[in-house]
Amino acid sequence: MTDPTLEAVYVKSINGTDDIIRDNKLKVTFIGRSNVGKSSLINSLVGKKLARSSSRPGKTVKLDFFLINHSLFFVDLPGYGFANRSKDALEHYRKLIAWYLFRSEVNHKLIVLIIDASIGITDYDRESINLLIEHGLDFVVVANKVDKLKMSQRDRALKAIQTECKDIPVVVYSSVTSEGKGALMNLVLKKK
């Protein structure tokens, strides 16, 4: 069911510079490893199938822009890591993500770094965290797919994530059960 307070529409996908980058609306950008559930998380936040999701890693291959409440954009980036792509394609995605985050003229509101709670923070995630800190961007870590953890694993896994993240906000999330949706929406929609 669609959240009646949230209007969300797909606008466009880009593969490099575009006027939408310089649009003065704030952007909330979703990044993470391939198959971490970025598109499913966006769909659960907006309450409808908006972003393309698949059980096959690497479905998102461009920067996908979704207009939220006529006032800000959600931006779904390609996943980094183990997507079944050529070395050249993976290098292209890496450069595209780095350009968008750190060198484009985008008006960032918040970066949502999504990790798989059952896997924990990977070396790719650590690199992303360090780069976001280095560039002074506001971000939050989302420990996604907590519904896949047994209760006996959950506390240990989340404690390890929160210990490693130190002062970085961590939101526990499940696209299946909507756990953490309210907390994440508060961060995403909070006035800057």
N, C-alpha and C. Protein backbone atom coordinates (compact mmCIF):
# COMPACT_ATOMS: atom_id res chain seq x y z
N MET A 1 0.84 -1.19 0.00
CA MET A 1 0.00 0.00 0.00
C MET A 1 0.88 1.25 0.00
N THR A 2 0.49 2.26 -0.76
CA THR A 2 1.26 3.48 -0.86
C THR A 2 1.04 4.35 0.36
N ASP A 3 2.11 4.94 0.88
CA ASP A 3 2.04 5.88 1.99
C ASP A 3 1.35 7.14 1.47
N PRO A 4 0.18 7.51 2.04
CA PRO A 4 -0.57 8.64 1.50
C PRO A 4 0.15 9.97 1.66
N THR A 5 1.15 10.06 2.55
CA THR A 5 1.83 11.32 2.77
C THR A 5 3.06 11.47 1.88
N LEU A 6 3.35 10.47 1.08
CA LEU A 6 4.57 10.49 0.29
C LEU A 6 4.25 10.28 -1.19
N GLU A 7 4.51 11.29 -2.00
CA GLU A 7 4.33 11.15 -3.44
C GLU A 7 5.70 10.91 -4.05
N ALA A 8 5.82 9.86 -4.85
CA ALA A 8 7.11 9.50 -5.42
C ALA A 8 6.93 9.10 -6.88
N VAL A 9 7.75 9.70 -7.76
CA VAL A 9 7.69 9.38 -9.18
C VAL A 9 9.09 9.25 -9.75
N TYR A 10 9.25 8.32 -10.67
CA TYR A 10 10.51 8.18 -11.40
C TYR A 10 10.65 9.36 -12.34
N VAL A 11 11.85 9.96 -12.39
CA VAL A 11 12.08 11.10 -13.27
C VAL A 11 12.97 10.70 -14.44
N LYS A 12 14.18 10.20 -14.15
CA LYS A 12 15.08 9.83 -15.23
C LYS A 12 16.26 9.05 -14.69
N SER A 13 16.99 8.42 -15.62
CA SER A 13 18.25 7.75 -15.32
C SER A 13 19.33 8.44 -16.12
N ILE A 14 20.49 8.65 -15.49
CA ILE A 14 21.58 9.32 -16.20
C ILE A 14 22.86 8.50 -16.05
N ASN A 15 23.79 8.76 -16.95
CA ASN A 15 25.06 8.03 -16.95
C ASN A 15 26.24 9.01 -16.99
N GLY A 16 25.99 10.21 -16.48
CA GLY A 16 27.01 11.26 -16.49
C GLY A 16 26.34 12.60 -16.26
N THR A 17 27.02 13.67 -16.62
CA THR A 17 26.50 14.99 -16.32
C THR A 17 25.13 15.23 -16.96
N ASP A 18 24.30 15.99 -16.26
CA ASP A 18 22.93 16.23 -16.70
C ASP A 18 22.40 17.42 -15.89
N ASP A 19 21.42 18.13 -16.45
CA ASP A 19 20.84 19.28 -15.75
C ASP A 19 20.25 18.91 -14.39
N ILE A 20 19.79 17.69 -14.23
CA ILE A 20 19.18 17.28 -12.96
C ILE A 20 20.18 17.34 -11.81
N ILE A 21 21.46 17.20 -12.13
CA ILE A 21 22.51 17.30 -11.11
C ILE A 21 22.52 18.69 -10.49
N ARG A 22 22.32 19.71 -11.33
CA ARG A 22 22.39 21.10 -10.87
C ARG A 22 21.04 21.62 -10.40
N ASP A 23 19.99 20.80 -10.49
CA ASP A 23 18.69 21.19 -9.96
C ASP A 23 18.87 21.54 -8.48
N ASN A 24 18.24 22.60 -8.02
CA ASN A 24 18.49 23.02 -6.64
C ASN A 24 17.79 22.18 -5.58
N LYS A 25 17.01 21.18 -6.01
CA LYS A 25 16.38 20.29 -5.01
C LYS A 25 17.45 19.42 -4.36
N LEU A 26 17.29 19.19 -3.07
CA LEU A 26 18.23 18.34 -2.34
C LEU A 26 18.12 16.89 -2.82
N LYS A 27 19.24 16.18 -2.71
CA LYS A 27 19.28 14.78 -3.12
C LYS A 27 19.62 13.90 -1.92
N VAL A 28 18.84 12.84 -1.75
CA VAL A 28 19.15 11.77 -0.78
C VAL A 28 19.61 10.60 -1.62
N THR A 29 20.87 10.20 -1.44
CA THR A 29 21.49 9.21 -2.31
C THR A 29 21.68 7.90 -1.57
N PHE A 30 21.31 6.81 -2.23
CA PHE A 30 21.38 5.47 -1.67
C PHE A 30 22.53 4.72 -2.33
N ILE A 31 23.52 4.32 -1.52
CA ILE A 31 24.67 3.59 -2.04
C ILE A 31 24.87 2.30 -1.25
N GLY A 32 25.60 1.39 -1.84
CA GLY A 32 25.90 0.13 -1.16
C GLY A 32 26.38 -0.91 -2.14
N ARG A 33 26.81 -2.00 -1.58
CA ARG A 33 27.32 -3.13 -2.33
C ARG A 33 26.22 -3.71 -3.23
N SER A 34 26.60 -4.34 -4.31
CA SER A 34 25.62 -5.03 -5.16
C SER A 34 24.84 -6.05 -4.32
N ASN A 35 23.56 -6.13 -4.56
CA ASN A 35 22.67 -7.11 -3.92
C ASN A 35 22.45 -6.83 -2.42
N VAL A 36 22.65 -5.58 -2.01
CA VAL A 36 22.43 -5.22 -0.61
C VAL A 36 20.99 -4.80 -0.36
N GLY A 37 20.23 -4.59 -1.44
CA GLY A 37 18.81 -4.26 -1.30
C GLY A 37 18.50 -2.78 -1.38
N LYS A 38 19.31 -2.01 -2.13
CA LYS A 38 19.06 -0.57 -2.26
C LYS A 38 17.69 -0.28 -2.87
N SER A 39 17.42 -0.91 -4.01
CA SER A 39 16.16 -0.64 -4.70
C SER A 39 14.97 -1.10 -3.87
N SER A 40 15.07 -2.25 -3.23
CA SER A 40 13.97 -2.73 -2.38
C SER A 40 13.74 -1.80 -1.20
N LEU A 41 14.83 -1.26 -0.65
CA LEU A 41 14.70 -0.32 0.46
C LEU A 41 13.99 0.95 0.01
N ILE A 42 14.37 1.49 -1.15
CA ILE A 42 13.69 2.68 -1.68
C ILE A 42 12.21 2.37 -1.88
N ASN A 43 11.91 1.23 -2.48
CA ASN A 43 10.51 0.85 -2.71
C ASN A 43 9.74 0.75 -1.39
N SER A 44 10.37 0.22 -0.35
CA SER A 44 9.68 0.10 0.94
C SER A 44 9.47 1.47 1.57
N LEU A 45 10.41 2.40 1.37
CA LEU A 45 10.25 3.75 1.92
C LEU A 45 9.09 4.49 1.27
N VAL A 46 8.97 4.35 -0.05
CA VAL A 46 7.91 5.09 -0.76
C VAL A 46 6.60 4.33 -0.82
N GLY A 47 6.61 3.07 -0.42
CA GLY A 47 5.38 2.29 -0.34
C GLY A 47 4.87 1.78 -1.68
N LYS A 48 5.75 1.71 -2.69
CA LYS A 48 5.35 1.15 -3.98
C LYS A 48 6.59 0.75 -4.76
N LYS A 49 6.39 -0.07 -5.80
CA LYS A 49 7.52 -0.49 -6.64
C LYS A 49 7.87 0.65 -7.57
N LEU A 50 8.97 1.30 -7.25
CA LEU A 50 9.43 2.46 -7.99
C LEU A 50 10.80 2.16 -8.60
N ALA A 51 11.72 1.73 -7.75
CA ALA A 51 13.07 1.39 -8.19
C ALA A 51 13.08 -0.05 -8.68
N ARG A 52 13.92 -0.32 -9.70
CA ARG A 52 14.03 -1.68 -10.24
C ARG A 52 14.81 -2.55 -9.26
N SER A 53 14.17 -3.62 -8.82
CA SER A 53 14.86 -4.55 -7.92
C SER A 53 14.84 -5.94 -8.54
N SER A 54 15.85 -6.73 -8.17
CA SER A 54 16.00 -8.06 -8.73
C SER A 54 16.83 -8.90 -7.79
N SER A 55 16.64 -10.20 -7.85
CA SER A 55 17.50 -11.09 -7.06
C SER A 55 18.88 -11.19 -7.69
N ARG A 56 19.00 -10.76 -8.94
CA ARG A 56 20.30 -10.76 -9.62
C ARG A 56 21.04 -9.46 -9.30
N PRO A 57 22.26 -9.54 -8.75
CA PRO A 57 23.01 -8.32 -8.43
C PRO A 57 23.28 -7.50 -9.68
N GLY A 58 23.36 -6.17 -9.49
CA GLY A 58 23.78 -5.29 -10.57
C GLY A 58 22.66 -4.83 -11.49
N LYS A 59 21.41 -4.84 -11.03
CA LYS A 59 20.29 -4.41 -11.86
C LYS A 59 20.36 -2.90 -12.16
N THR A 60 20.76 -2.11 -11.17
CA THR A 60 20.88 -0.67 -11.37
C THR A 60 22.22 -0.37 -12.03
N VAL A 61 22.18 0.22 -13.23
CA VAL A 61 23.42 0.47 -13.97
C VAL A 61 23.62 1.96 -14.27
N LYS A 62 22.67 2.78 -13.91
CA LYS A 62 22.77 4.23 -14.08
C LYS A 62 22.38 4.88 -12.76
N LEU A 63 22.41 6.21 -12.72
CA LEU A 63 21.93 6.94 -11.55
C LEU A 63 20.44 7.18 -11.76
N ASP A 64 19.61 6.56 -10.96
CA ASP A 64 18.16 6.66 -11.10
C ASP A 64 17.61 7.72 -10.14
N PHE A 65 16.87 8.70 -10.69
CA PHE A 65 16.33 9.81 -9.91
C PHE A 65 14.82 9.67 -9.73
N PHE A 66 14.38 9.80 -8.47
CA PHE A 66 12.96 9.72 -8.13
C PHE A 66 12.59 10.98 -7.36
N LEU A 67 11.56 11.69 -7.82
CA LEU A 67 11.13 12.92 -7.16
C LEU A 67 10.17 12.57 -6.02
N ILE A 68 10.48 13.07 -4.85
CA ILE A 68 9.70 12.78 -3.64
C ILE A 68 9.01 14.05 -3.17
N ASN A 69 7.68 13.98 -3.08
CA ASN A 69 6.86 15.12 -2.60
C ASN A 69 7.18 16.44 -3.32
N HIS A 70 7.54 16.37 -4.58
CA HIS A 70 7.85 17.55 -5.40
C HIS A 70 8.98 18.39 -4.82
N SER A 71 9.72 17.87 -3.82
CA SER A 71 10.66 18.74 -3.13
C SER A 71 12.09 18.21 -3.03
N LEU A 72 12.30 16.90 -3.15
CA LEU A 72 13.65 16.36 -3.10
C LEU A 72 13.73 15.10 -3.94
N PHE A 73 14.96 14.71 -4.23
CA PHE A 73 15.17 13.50 -5.03
C PHE A 73 15.75 12.39 -4.17
N PHE A 74 15.27 11.16 -4.41
CA PHE A 74 15.97 9.95 -3.99
C PHE A 74 16.79 9.53 -5.21
N VAL A 75 18.06 9.19 -5.00
CA VAL A 75 18.92 8.79 -6.10
C VAL A 75 19.48 7.40 -5.79
N ASP A 76 19.18 6.45 -6.66
CA ASP A 76 19.62 5.05 -6.53
C ASP A 76 20.86 4.88 -7.39
N LEU A 77 22.00 4.60 -6.75
CA LEU A 77 23.26 4.43 -7.48
C LEU A 77 23.51 2.96 -7.78
N PRO A 78 24.32 2.68 -8.81
CA PRO A 78 24.71 1.28 -9.04
C PRO A 78 25.44 0.73 -7.82
N GLY A 79 25.31 -0.57 -7.61
CA GLY A 79 26.00 -1.20 -6.49
C GLY A 79 27.48 -1.35 -6.78
N TYR A 80 28.26 -1.37 -5.71
CA TYR A 80 29.69 -1.63 -5.87
C TYR A 80 29.99 -3.02 -5.36
N GLY A 81 31.13 -3.57 -5.78
CA GLY A 81 31.51 -4.88 -5.26
C GLY A 81 31.43 -5.97 -6.29
N PHE A 82 30.70 -7.04 -5.93
CA PHE A 82 30.85 -8.28 -6.68
C PHE A 82 29.89 -8.47 -7.85
N ALA A 83 29.22 -7.44 -8.32
CA ALA A 83 28.28 -7.62 -9.43
C ALA A 83 28.95 -8.37 -10.59
N ASN A 84 28.21 -9.22 -11.22
CA ASN A 84 28.74 -10.07 -12.29
C ASN A 84 28.88 -9.24 -13.57
N ARG A 85 29.91 -8.39 -13.58
CA ARG A 85 30.16 -7.50 -14.71
C ARG A 85 31.64 -7.58 -15.08
N SER A 86 31.96 -7.07 -16.25
CA SER A 86 33.36 -7.04 -16.68
C SER A 86 34.13 -6.05 -15.81
N LYS A 87 35.46 -6.19 -15.82
CA LYS A 87 36.31 -5.26 -15.07
C LYS A 87 36.10 -3.83 -15.55
N ASP A 88 35.96 -3.65 -16.86
CA ASP A 88 35.74 -2.31 -17.41
C ASP A 88 34.43 -1.72 -16.92
N ALA A 89 33.37 -2.53 -16.88
CA ALA A 89 32.07 -2.05 -16.41
C ALA A 89 32.14 -1.68 -14.93
N LEU A 90 32.79 -2.52 -14.13
CA LEU A 90 32.92 -2.22 -12.70
C LEU A 90 33.71 -0.94 -12.47
N GLU A 91 34.76 -0.73 -13.26
CA GLU A 91 35.55 0.50 -13.14
C GLU A 91 34.72 1.71 -13.56
N HIS A 92 33.89 1.55 -14.59
CA HIS A 92 32.98 2.63 -15.02
C HIS A 92 32.04 3.00 -13.88
N TYR A 93 31.42 1.99 -13.23
CA TYR A 93 30.48 2.27 -12.13
C TYR A 93 31.21 2.96 -10.98
N ARG A 94 32.43 2.51 -10.67
CA ARG A 94 33.20 3.10 -9.57
C ARG A 94 33.45 4.58 -9.85
N LYS A 95 33.87 4.88 -11.08
CA LYS A 95 34.14 6.28 -11.45
C LYS A 95 32.86 7.11 -11.46
N LEU A 96 31.77 6.54 -11.95
CA LEU A 96 30.50 7.24 -11.99
C LEU A 96 30.03 7.60 -10.58
N ILE A 97 30.12 6.64 -9.66
CA ILE A 97 29.71 6.87 -8.28
C ILE A 97 30.59 7.94 -7.63
N ALA A 98 31.91 7.82 -7.80
CA ALA A 98 32.84 8.79 -7.21
C ALA A 98 32.60 10.18 -7.77
N TRP A 99 32.39 10.28 -9.08
CA TRP A 99 32.11 11.59 -9.70
C TRP A 99 30.84 12.19 -9.10
N TYR A 100 29.77 11.40 -9.05
CA TYR A 100 28.49 11.91 -8.55
C TYR A 100 28.61 12.36 -7.10
N LEU A 101 29.22 11.54 -6.26
CA LEU A 101 29.30 11.87 -4.84
C LEU A 101 30.23 13.03 -4.54
N PHE A 102 31.40 13.07 -5.20
CA PHE A 102 32.46 13.97 -4.75
C PHE A 102 32.84 15.08 -5.71
N ARG A 103 32.50 14.97 -7.00
CA ARG A 103 32.97 15.97 -7.94
C ARG A 103 31.86 16.66 -8.74
N SER A 104 30.67 16.13 -8.70
CA SER A 104 29.58 16.78 -9.44
C SER A 104 29.09 17.99 -8.63
N GLU A 105 28.16 18.71 -9.18
CA GLU A 105 27.61 19.89 -8.49
C GLU A 105 26.34 19.56 -7.72
N VAL A 106 26.16 18.28 -7.37
CA VAL A 106 24.93 17.84 -6.72
C VAL A 106 24.77 18.49 -5.34
N ASN A 107 23.52 18.79 -5.00
CA ASN A 107 23.17 19.39 -3.71
C ASN A 107 22.77 18.25 -2.77
N HIS A 108 23.77 17.70 -2.06
CA HIS A 108 23.53 16.55 -1.19
C HIS A 108 22.75 16.95 0.06
N LYS A 109 21.75 16.15 0.38
CA LYS A 109 21.09 16.29 1.69
C LYS A 109 21.63 15.22 2.63
N LEU A 110 21.65 13.98 2.15
CA LEU A 110 22.06 12.85 2.98
C LEU A 110 22.48 11.70 2.08
N ILE A 111 23.51 10.98 2.50
CA ILE A 111 23.90 9.75 1.83
C ILE A 111 23.45 8.61 2.74
N VAL A 112 22.74 7.64 2.16
CA VAL A 112 22.30 6.46 2.91
C VAL A 112 23.16 5.29 2.43
N LEU A 113 24.10 4.89 3.28
CA LEU A 113 25.00 3.78 2.97
C LEU A 113 24.38 2.51 3.53
N ILE A 114 23.99 1.61 2.63
CA ILE A 114 23.27 0.40 3.01
C ILE A 114 24.23 -0.78 3.07
N ILE A 115 24.20 -1.49 4.19
CA ILE A 115 25.00 -2.70 4.33
C ILE A 115 24.07 -3.87 4.64
N ASP A 116 24.53 -5.07 4.38
CA ASP A 116 23.77 -6.28 4.68
C ASP A 116 24.10 -6.67 6.11
N ALA A 117 23.10 -6.62 7.00
CA ALA A 117 23.33 -6.89 8.42
C ALA A 117 23.91 -8.28 8.65
N SER A 118 23.55 -9.24 7.79
CA SER A 118 24.03 -10.61 8.00
C SER A 118 25.49 -10.78 7.56
N ILE A 119 25.98 -9.88 6.72
CA ILE A 119 27.37 -9.95 6.26
C ILE A 119 28.24 -9.01 7.09
N GLY A 120 27.69 -7.89 7.50
CA GLY A 120 28.46 -6.89 8.24
C GLY A 120 29.15 -5.94 7.29
N ILE A 121 30.02 -5.13 7.84
CA ILE A 121 30.72 -4.11 7.07
C ILE A 121 31.87 -4.75 6.30
N THR A 122 31.83 -4.60 4.98
CA THR A 122 32.87 -5.17 4.11
C THR A 122 33.98 -4.13 3.88
N ASP A 123 35.05 -4.56 3.25
CA ASP A 123 36.13 -3.62 2.91
C ASP A 123 35.62 -2.52 1.98
N TYR A 124 34.72 -2.87 1.05
CA TYR A 124 34.13 -1.86 0.16
C TYR A 124 33.36 -0.83 0.98
N ASP A 125 32.60 -1.30 1.99
CA ASP A 125 31.84 -0.39 2.84
C ASP A 125 32.77 0.52 3.63
N ARG A 126 33.84 -0.07 4.17
CA ARG A 126 34.82 0.74 4.93
C ARG A 126 35.42 1.84 4.05
N GLU A 127 35.74 1.48 2.82
CA GLU A 127 36.29 2.47 1.90
C GLU A 127 35.28 3.59 1.66
N SER A 128 34.01 3.23 1.48
CA SER A 128 32.96 4.24 1.27
C SER A 128 32.81 5.13 2.49
N ILE A 129 32.80 4.53 3.68
CA ILE A 129 32.68 5.29 4.92
C ILE A 129 33.83 6.29 5.04
N ASN A 130 35.05 5.82 4.80
CA ASN A 130 36.22 6.70 4.90
C ASN A 130 36.16 7.85 3.90
N LEU A 131 35.72 7.56 2.66
CA LEU A 131 35.61 8.62 1.65
C LEU A 131 34.52 9.63 2.00
N LEU A 132 33.39 9.16 2.52
CA LEU A 132 32.31 10.07 2.90
C LEU A 132 32.76 10.98 4.04
N ILE A 133 33.48 10.42 5.01
CA ILE A 133 34.01 11.23 6.11
C ILE A 133 35.02 12.24 5.58
N GLU A 134 35.94 11.74 4.74
CA GLU A 134 36.99 12.59 4.18
C GLU A 134 36.42 13.79 3.42
N HIS A 135 35.30 13.58 2.71
CA HIS A 135 34.68 14.65 1.92
C HIS A 135 33.64 15.44 2.72
N GLY A 136 33.46 15.10 3.99
CA GLY A 136 32.55 15.86 4.85
C GLY A 136 31.09 15.77 4.50
N LEU A 137 30.65 14.63 3.94
CA LEU A 137 29.25 14.47 3.56
C LEU A 137 28.46 13.87 4.72
N ASP A 138 27.22 14.36 4.91
CA ASP A 138 26.33 13.79 5.92
C ASP A 138 25.86 12.42 5.44
N PHE A 139 26.01 11.41 6.31
CA PHE A 139 25.53 10.09 5.91
C PHE A 139 25.09 9.29 7.12
N VAL A 140 24.32 8.27 6.83
CA VAL A 140 23.83 7.33 7.82
C VAL A 140 24.08 5.93 7.28
N VAL A 141 24.35 4.99 8.17
CA VAL A 141 24.52 3.59 7.77
C VAL A 141 23.22 2.86 8.07
N VAL A 142 22.74 2.10 7.11
CA VAL A 142 21.53 1.30 7.31
C VAL A 142 21.93 -0.18 7.30
N ALA A 143 21.67 -0.85 8.42
CA ALA A 143 21.91 -2.29 8.53
C ALA A 143 20.66 -2.98 8.01
N ASN A 144 20.69 -3.35 6.73
CA ASN A 144 19.52 -3.86 6.02
C ASN A 144 19.41 -5.38 6.14
N LYS A 145 18.23 -5.88 5.82
CA LYS A 145 17.94 -7.32 5.78
C LYS A 145 18.04 -7.97 7.16
N VAL A 146 17.68 -7.23 8.22
CA VAL A 146 17.75 -7.82 9.57
C VAL A 146 16.74 -8.96 9.73
N ASP A 147 15.72 -8.99 8.89
CA ASP A 147 14.73 -10.07 8.96
C ASP A 147 15.35 -11.42 8.63
N LYS A 148 16.51 -11.42 7.97
CA LYS A 148 17.16 -12.68 7.59
C LYS A 148 18.02 -13.24 8.73
N LEU A 149 18.19 -12.47 9.79
CA LEU A 149 19.01 -12.91 10.92
C LEU A 149 18.16 -13.64 11.95
N LYS A 150 18.66 -14.74 12.47
CA LYS A 150 18.02 -15.39 13.60
C LYS A 150 18.25 -14.51 14.81
N MET A 151 17.34 -14.58 15.78
CA MET A 151 17.47 -13.74 16.97
C MET A 151 18.82 -13.94 17.66
N SER A 152 19.33 -15.18 17.62
CA SER A 152 20.61 -15.46 18.27
C SER A 152 21.78 -14.77 17.56
N GLN A 153 21.61 -14.47 16.26
CA GLN A 153 22.66 -13.81 15.48
C GLN A 153 22.52 -12.29 15.49
N ARG A 154 21.30 -11.84 15.63
CA ARG A 154 20.97 -10.42 15.44
C ARG A 154 21.75 -9.48 16.36
N ASP A 155 21.70 -9.73 17.66
CA ASP A 155 22.37 -8.83 18.60
C ASP A 155 23.86 -8.75 18.34
N ARG A 156 24.48 -9.89 18.10
CA ARG A 156 25.92 -9.94 17.86
C ARG A 156 26.27 -9.17 16.57
N ALA A 157 25.51 -9.41 15.51
CA ALA A 157 25.77 -8.76 14.23
C ALA A 157 25.61 -7.25 14.33
N LEU A 158 24.52 -6.81 14.97
CA LEU A 158 24.26 -5.37 15.06
C LEU A 158 25.27 -4.68 15.98
N LYS A 159 25.67 -5.36 17.04
CA LYS A 159 26.67 -4.79 17.94
C LYS A 159 28.00 -4.59 17.21
N ALA A 160 28.38 -5.55 16.38
CA ALA A 160 29.62 -5.44 15.61
C ALA A 160 29.56 -4.25 14.64
N ILE A 161 28.41 -4.08 14.00
CA ILE A 161 28.23 -2.97 13.06
C ILE A 161 28.30 -1.64 13.81
N GLN A 162 27.58 -1.52 14.91
CA GLN A 162 27.55 -0.27 15.65
C GLN A 162 28.90 0.06 16.28
N THR A 163 29.63 -0.97 16.72
CA THR A 163 30.96 -0.75 17.27
C THR A 163 31.89 -0.18 16.21
N GLU A 164 31.83 -0.74 15.01
CA GLU A 164 32.71 -0.27 13.94
C GLU A 164 32.31 1.12 13.45
N CYS A 165 31.03 1.43 13.50
CA CYS A 165 30.56 2.74 13.01
C CYS A 165 30.78 3.88 14.00
N LYS A 166 31.07 3.57 15.23
CA LYS A 166 31.36 4.57 16.28
C LYS A 166 30.29 5.66 16.33
N ASP A 167 30.61 6.87 15.85
CA ASP A 167 29.70 8.01 15.98
C ASP A 167 28.75 8.18 14.79
N ILE A 168 28.80 7.27 13.85
CA ILE A 168 27.93 7.34 12.67
C ILE A 168 26.57 6.76 13.03
N PRO A 169 25.47 7.48 12.72
CA PRO A 169 24.15 6.92 13.00
C PRO A 169 23.93 5.61 12.24
N VAL A 170 23.38 4.61 12.92
CA VAL A 170 23.06 3.31 12.31
C VAL A 170 21.57 3.07 12.48
N VAL A 171 20.89 2.78 11.38
CA VAL A 171 19.46 2.44 11.41
C VAL A 171 19.32 0.97 11.07
N VAL A 172 18.64 0.22 11.93
CA VAL A 172 18.35 -1.19 11.69
C VAL A 172 17.12 -1.26 10.79
N TYR A 173 17.20 -2.03 9.69
CA TYR A 173 16.14 -1.94 8.68
C TYR A 173 15.78 -3.30 8.09
N SER A 174 14.51 -3.41 7.73
CA SER A 174 14.03 -4.56 6.95
C SER A 174 12.99 -4.07 5.96
N SER A 175 13.25 -4.29 4.68
CA SER A 175 12.27 -3.94 3.65
C SER A 175 11.07 -4.87 3.71
N VAL A 176 11.26 -6.06 4.28
CA VAL A 176 10.18 -7.06 4.36
C VAL A 176 9.19 -6.70 5.47
N THR A 177 9.70 -6.35 6.66
CA THR A 177 8.83 -6.10 7.81
C THR A 177 8.60 -4.61 8.08
N SER A 178 9.32 -3.74 7.37
CA SER A 178 9.29 -2.28 7.56
C SER A 178 9.91 -1.84 8.88
N GLU A 179 10.64 -2.72 9.56
CA GLU A 179 11.36 -2.31 10.76
C GLU A 179 12.37 -1.23 10.37
N GLY A 180 12.37 -0.15 11.12
CA GLY A 180 13.29 0.95 10.88
C GLY A 180 12.81 1.98 9.87
N LYS A 181 11.66 1.74 9.24
CA LYS A 181 11.18 2.67 8.21
C LYS A 181 10.93 4.06 8.79
N GLY A 182 10.27 4.13 9.93
CA GLY A 182 9.98 5.43 10.54
C GLY A 182 11.25 6.18 10.90
N ALA A 183 12.21 5.47 11.48
CA ALA A 183 13.48 6.10 11.88
C ALA A 183 14.24 6.63 10.66
N LEU A 184 14.28 5.85 9.60
CA LEU A 184 15.00 6.28 8.41
C LEU A 184 14.27 7.44 7.72
N MET A 185 12.94 7.37 7.65
CA MET A 185 12.19 8.46 7.02
C MET A 185 12.39 9.77 7.79
N ASN A 186 12.47 9.68 9.12
CA ASN A 186 12.72 10.89 9.92
C ASN A 186 14.05 11.53 9.54
N LEU A 187 15.07 10.71 9.34
CA LEU A 187 16.38 11.23 8.95
C LEU A 187 16.36 11.80 7.52
N VAL A 188 15.68 11.09 6.63
CA VAL A 188 15.66 11.46 5.21
C VAL A 188 14.86 12.74 4.98
N LEU A 189 13.75 12.89 5.69
CA LEU A 189 12.86 14.02 5.46
C LEU A 189 13.10 15.19 6.40
N LYS A 190 14.00 15.00 7.38
CA LYS A 190 14.29 16.05 8.35
C LYS A 190 14.73 17.32 7.65
N LYS A 191 14.23 18.44 8.13
CA LYS A 191 14.62 19.73 7.54
C LYS A 191 16.11 19.93 7.76
N LYS A 192 16.79 20.42 6.74
CA LYS A 192 18.23 20.63 6.82
C LYS A 192 18.55 21.95 7.51
